[in-house]
Amino acid sequence: MKKILIAAAIVAPLSACIRDPGFTGVSGMREATAAEVAQCRYITDIRSTPGTYGILASPGVRYARNRILADAQQAGANTVVFDPVSPGTEIYQLHAVAYSC
């Protein structure tokens, strides 16, 4: 019985991570440019800070982008426009505008 409780204590937090849209992505959302959303309805602005830097910067940015997509979807949006980022630039904060198109 004790082994089952220990296994459950380990598996429960991991299963929460598996369902986290930051890791899994968000279906039904699309990324667009500002010109593509000219006729869409504005929903909200969303900001996120990647929690990792250095070698883990890329997964941290991907996680933050997915969280923005999930937050936008929860707010009623189906399209997101991210601020442009120059290649090779370290990203300390992401900003996106969510729209319903």
Protein backbone atom coordinates (compact mmCIF):
# COMPACT_ATOMS: atom_id res chain seq x y z
CA MET A 1 0.00 0.00 0.00
CA LYS A 2 2.84 2.36 0.86
CA LYS A 3 4.43 1.80 -2.59
CA ILE A 4 1.14 2.69 -4.30
CA LEU A 5 0.92 5.97 -2.36
CA ILE A 6 4.52 6.85 -3.24
CA ALA A 7 3.89 6.07 -6.93
CA ALA A 8 0.73 8.19 -6.89
CA ALA A 9 2.63 11.07 -5.29
CA ILE A 10 5.18 10.93 -8.10
CA VAL A 11 2.75 10.42 -11.00
CA ALA A 12 0.17 13.09 -10.03
CA PRO A 13 2.45 16.12 -10.58
CA LEU A 14 3.81 14.62 -13.80
CA SER A 15 0.34 14.10 -15.23
CA ALA A 16 -0.45 17.76 -14.56
CA CYS A 17 2.61 18.73 -16.62
CA ILE A 18 1.51 16.49 -19.47
CA ARG A 19 -1.82 18.35 -19.72
CA ASP A 20 -0.20 21.79 -19.43
CA PRO A 21 -0.77 23.62 -22.76
CA GLY A 22 2.63 25.24 -22.35
CA PHE A 23 4.12 21.81 -23.03
CA THR A 24 1.50 20.32 -25.34
CA GLY A 25 0.55 23.29 -27.52
CA VAL A 26 -2.89 24.71 -28.24
CA SER A 27 -5.11 23.44 -31.03
CA GLY A 28 -7.55 25.76 -32.77
CA MET A 29 -5.32 28.83 -32.44
CA ARG A 30 -3.39 30.49 -35.24
CA GLU A 31 -0.60 33.03 -35.37
CA ALA A 32 -0.98 35.92 -37.80
CA THR A 33 0.57 39.23 -38.77
CA ALA A 34 -0.91 42.60 -37.89
CA ALA A 35 -2.09 43.06 -41.50
CA GLU A 36 -3.99 39.75 -41.40
CA VAL A 37 -6.13 40.79 -38.42
CA ALA A 38 -7.29 44.19 -39.69
CA GLN A 39 -10.93 43.02 -39.88
CA CYS A 40 -10.83 40.99 -36.64
CA ARG A 41 -12.20 41.91 -33.22
CA TYR A 42 -9.61 42.83 -30.57
CA ILE A 43 -9.79 40.66 -27.43
CA THR A 44 -6.80 41.45 -25.19
CA ASP A 45 -3.05 42.01 -24.85
CA ILE A 46 -1.05 39.24 -23.19
CA ARG A 47 2.51 39.28 -21.85
CA SER A 48 4.64 36.39 -20.65
CA THR A 49 8.18 36.07 -19.38
CA PRO A 50 10.13 32.95 -20.31
CA GLY A 51 11.40 31.29 -17.15
CA THR A 52 14.63 29.97 -18.63
CA TYR A 53 17.69 31.47 -20.28
CA GLY A 54 20.98 30.29 -21.76
CA ILE A 55 20.88 26.75 -23.12
CA LEU A 56 17.24 26.36 -22.05
CA ALA A 57 16.10 29.63 -23.66
CA SER A 58 14.45 28.01 -26.67
CA PRO A 59 12.19 25.62 -24.70
CA GLY A 60 11.37 28.46 -22.30
CA VAL A 61 10.27 30.75 -25.14
CA ARG A 62 8.24 27.92 -26.73
CA TYR A 63 6.52 27.27 -23.38
CA ALA A 64 5.76 31.00 -22.90
CA ARG A 65 4.35 31.28 -26.46
CA ASN A 66 2.11 28.25 -25.90
CA ARG A 67 0.89 29.72 -22.59
CA ILE A 68 0.02 32.96 -24.39
CA LEU A 69 -1.93 30.97 -26.98
CA ALA A 70 -3.79 29.11 -24.21
CA ASP A 71 -4.58 32.33 -22.33
CA ALA A 72 -5.81 33.96 -25.54
CA GLN A 73 -8.05 31.00 -26.29
CA GLN A 74 -9.52 31.15 -22.78
CA ALA A 75 -10.24 34.85 -23.33
CA GLY A 76 -12.26 34.01 -26.46
CA ALA A 77 -9.65 34.57 -29.17
CA ASN A 78 -8.72 32.29 -32.04
CA THR A 79 -5.82 34.33 -33.50
CA VAL A 80 -2.71 35.85 -31.93
CA VAL A 81 -0.23 38.41 -33.26
CA PHE A 82 3.15 38.22 -31.52
CA ASP A 83 5.48 41.21 -31.49
CA PRO A 84 8.29 40.63 -34.00
CA VAL A 85 11.62 39.44 -32.58
CA SER A 86 14.97 39.73 -34.32
CA PRO A 87 16.70 36.36 -34.80
CA GLY A 88 19.44 35.76 -32.25
CA THR A 89 18.04 38.27 -29.76
CA GLU A 90 17.54 37.08 -26.19
CA ILE A 91 13.88 37.29 -25.27
CA TYR A 92 13.09 38.56 -21.79
CA GLN A 93 9.39 39.16 -22.36
CA LEU A 94 6.87 38.14 -25.02
CA HIS A 95 3.95 40.33 -25.97
CA ALA A 96 1.01 39.32 -28.12
CA VAL A 97 -2.37 40.72 -29.06
CA ALA A 98 -5.31 38.31 -29.21
CA TYR A 99 -8.14 38.63 -31.74
CA SER A 100 -11.31 36.85 -32.72
CA CYS A 101 -11.44 36.43 -36.50
